[in-house]
């Protein structure tokens, strides 16, 4: 009686082991990507919230509170894991002055982020971004 493994059994075992290693590698890649995105989103949130607080502290006649689209003169901003671009739009509201702050990052793929002239252009670019809103009295 032959007491060894056949070539077919060995090949099937190797395929199963390979599939386990490929799945583990894929999970590692997805985890790393999620971690980088999470870092970028957190940094963008901090930059956006900081801008909202700064705008709320400005006098009402400040040029940064004039109606319209504003770009941060410090763009691109080196912060945390990458470069960020801050924009804010100011408009009149019944409660006071409404400010919408937008923070975008280009993930190394889009260099046109610094040239957005409106929120519509930012949305159409597909560039990852967050938006925060606040009322300034």
Protein backbone atom coordinates (compact mmCIF):
# COMPACT_ATOMS: atom_id res chain seq x y z
CA UNK A 1 0.00 0.00 0.00
CA UNK A 2 1.32 3.50 -0.98
CA UNK A 3 1.36 5.88 2.04
CA UNK A 4 2.15 9.28 0.42
CA UNK A 5 0.23 12.17 -1.04
CA UNK A 6 -0.55 12.21 -4.73
CA UNK A 7 0.56 15.09 -6.92
CA UNK A 8 -3.07 16.21 -7.27
CA UNK A 9 -3.52 16.45 -3.50
CA UNK A 10 -0.33 18.49 -3.14
CA UNK A 11 -1.38 20.86 -5.94
CA UNK A 12 -4.83 21.40 -4.41
CA UNK A 13 -3.25 22.13 -1.03
CA UNK A 14 -0.87 24.64 -2.59
CA UNK A 15 -3.75 26.39 -4.39
CA UNK A 16 -5.71 26.67 -1.12
CA UNK A 17 -2.67 28.10 0.69
CA UNK A 18 -2.06 30.55 -2.16
CA UNK A 19 -5.69 31.75 -2.01
CA UNK A 20 -5.37 32.35 1.75
CA UNK A 21 -2.20 34.42 1.22
CA UNK A 22 -3.75 36.44 -1.63
CA UNK A 23 -6.84 37.20 0.48
CA UNK A 24 -4.66 38.27 3.40
CA UNK A 25 -2.58 40.54 1.15
CA UNK A 26 -5.73 42.13 -0.30
CA UNK A 27 -7.11 42.80 3.18
CA UNK A 28 -3.80 44.44 4.14
CA UNK A 29 -3.90 46.73 1.10
CA UNK A 30 -7.52 47.77 1.74
CA UNK A 31 -6.73 48.43 5.41
CA UNK A 32 -3.77 50.63 4.49
CA UNK A 33 -5.86 52.60 1.97
CA UNK A 34 -8.64 53.08 4.51
CA UNK A 35 -6.14 54.28 7.07
CA UNK A 36 -4.68 56.88 4.69
CA UNK A 37 -8.14 58.12 3.70
CA UNK A 38 -9.16 58.33 7.36
CA UNK A 39 -6.03 60.37 8.15
CA UNK A 40 -6.71 62.74 5.24
CA UNK A 41 -10.36 63.14 6.23
CA UNK A 42 -9.44 63.91 9.84
CA UNK A 43 -6.86 66.49 8.76
CA UNK A 44 -9.37 68.10 6.38
CA UNK A 45 -11.97 68.24 9.17
CA UNK A 46 -9.51 70.00 11.47
CA UNK A 47 -8.62 72.54 8.77
CA UNK A 48 -12.29 73.17 7.97
CA UNK A 49 -13.33 73.59 11.58
CA UNK A 50 -10.37 75.90 12.24
CA UNK A 51 -11.46 78.08 9.32
CA UNK A 52 -15.07 78.23 10.58
CA UNK A 53 -13.88 79.32 14.02
CA UNK A 54 -11.54 81.92 12.48
CA UNK A 55 -14.36 83.32 10.32
CA UNK A 56 -16.66 83.56 13.35
CA UNK A 57 -14.01 85.60 15.15
CA UNK A 58 -13.61 88.18 12.38
CA UNK A 59 -15.30 91.60 12.47
CA UNK A 60 -18.37 91.82 10.22
CA UNK A 61 -16.62 94.24 7.82
CA UNK A 62 -13.72 91.86 7.10
CA UNK A 63 -13.00 91.14 3.44
CA UNK A 64 -13.09 87.41 4.24
CA UNK A 65 -16.79 87.80 5.10
CA UNK A 66 -17.80 89.53 1.85
CA UNK A 67 -20.40 87.60 -0.14
CA UNK A 68 -18.95 85.20 -2.67
CA UNK A 69 -16.34 82.51 -3.15
CA UNK A 70 -13.01 82.82 -1.33
CA UNK A 71 -9.79 80.85 -1.69
CA UNK A 72 -7.33 80.59 1.17
CA UNK A 73 -4.20 82.54 0.17
CA UNK A 74 -2.11 79.83 1.88
CA UNK A 75 -3.24 77.14 -0.63
CA UNK A 76 -1.85 74.52 -0.89
CA UNK A 77 -1.63 73.89 2.83
CA UNK A 78 0.89 71.28 3.98
CA UNK A 79 -0.80 69.55 6.90
CA UNK A 80 -0.61 66.02 8.22
CA UNK A 81 -0.44 63.45 5.46
CA UNK A 82 -0.71 65.74 2.44
CA UNK A 83 -1.67 68.98 0.73
CA UNK A 84 -5.06 70.58 1.30
CA UNK A 85 -6.95 73.42 -0.33
CA UNK A 86 -9.40 75.57 1.64
CA UNK A 87 -12.27 77.54 0.15
CA UNK A 88 -15.27 79.22 1.68
CA UNK A 89 -18.42 80.73 0.35
CA UNK A 90 -20.18 83.51 2.20
CA UNK A 91 -23.82 84.45 1.72
CA UNK A 92 -26.55 86.31 3.55
CA UNK A 93 -28.93 84.31 5.73
CA UNK A 94 -31.92 85.25 7.86
CA UNK A 95 -29.93 84.45 11.01
CA UNK A 96 -26.80 86.38 9.97
CA UNK A 97 -23.98 85.48 7.60
CA UNK A 98 -23.77 81.92 6.32
CA UNK A 99 -20.32 80.51 5.66
CA UNK A 100 -19.72 77.20 3.90
CA UNK A 101 -16.15 75.98 4.24
CA UNK A 102 -14.82 73.39 1.79
CA UNK A 103 -11.53 71.55 2.19
CA UNK A 104 -10.22 69.46 -0.70
CA UNK A 105 -7.19 67.27 -1.09
CA UNK A 106 -5.79 65.88 -4.30
CA UNK A 107 -4.31 62.53 -3.19
CA UNK A 108 -1.42 63.18 -5.55
CA UNK A 109 -3.63 62.72 -8.62
CA UNK A 110 -5.18 66.11 -9.28
CA UNK A 111 -3.10 69.26 -9.39
CA UNK A 112 -5.94 71.54 -10.51
CA UNK A 113 -7.43 71.68 -7.00
CA UNK A 114 -5.93 75.09 -6.30
CA UNK A 115 -7.83 76.64 -9.23
CA UNK A 116 -11.44 75.95 -8.24
CA UNK A 117 -13.51 79.03 -8.90
CA UNK A 118 -16.76 77.75 -7.39
CA UNK A 119 -18.34 74.92 -5.46
CA UNK A 120 -19.73 73.51 -8.72
CA UNK A 121 -16.20 73.18 -10.14
CA UNK A 122 -15.06 71.49 -6.94
CA UNK A 123 -17.94 68.99 -7.12
CA UNK A 124 -17.39 68.26 -10.81
CA UNK A 125 -13.67 67.60 -10.31
CA UNK A 126 -14.22 64.42 -8.33
CA UNK A 127 -11.56 65.62 -5.93
CA UNK A 128 -12.19 64.29 -2.40
CA UNK A 129 -13.46 67.07 -0.15
CA UNK A 130 -15.53 67.88 2.90
CA UNK A 131 -17.91 70.76 3.53
CA UNK A 132 -18.78 72.44 6.81
CA UNK A 133 -21.36 75.18 7.37
CA UNK A 134 -21.89 77.76 10.03
CA UNK A 135 -23.84 80.93 10.80
CA UNK A 136 -21.98 84.04 11.86
CA UNK A 137 -24.07 86.53 13.76
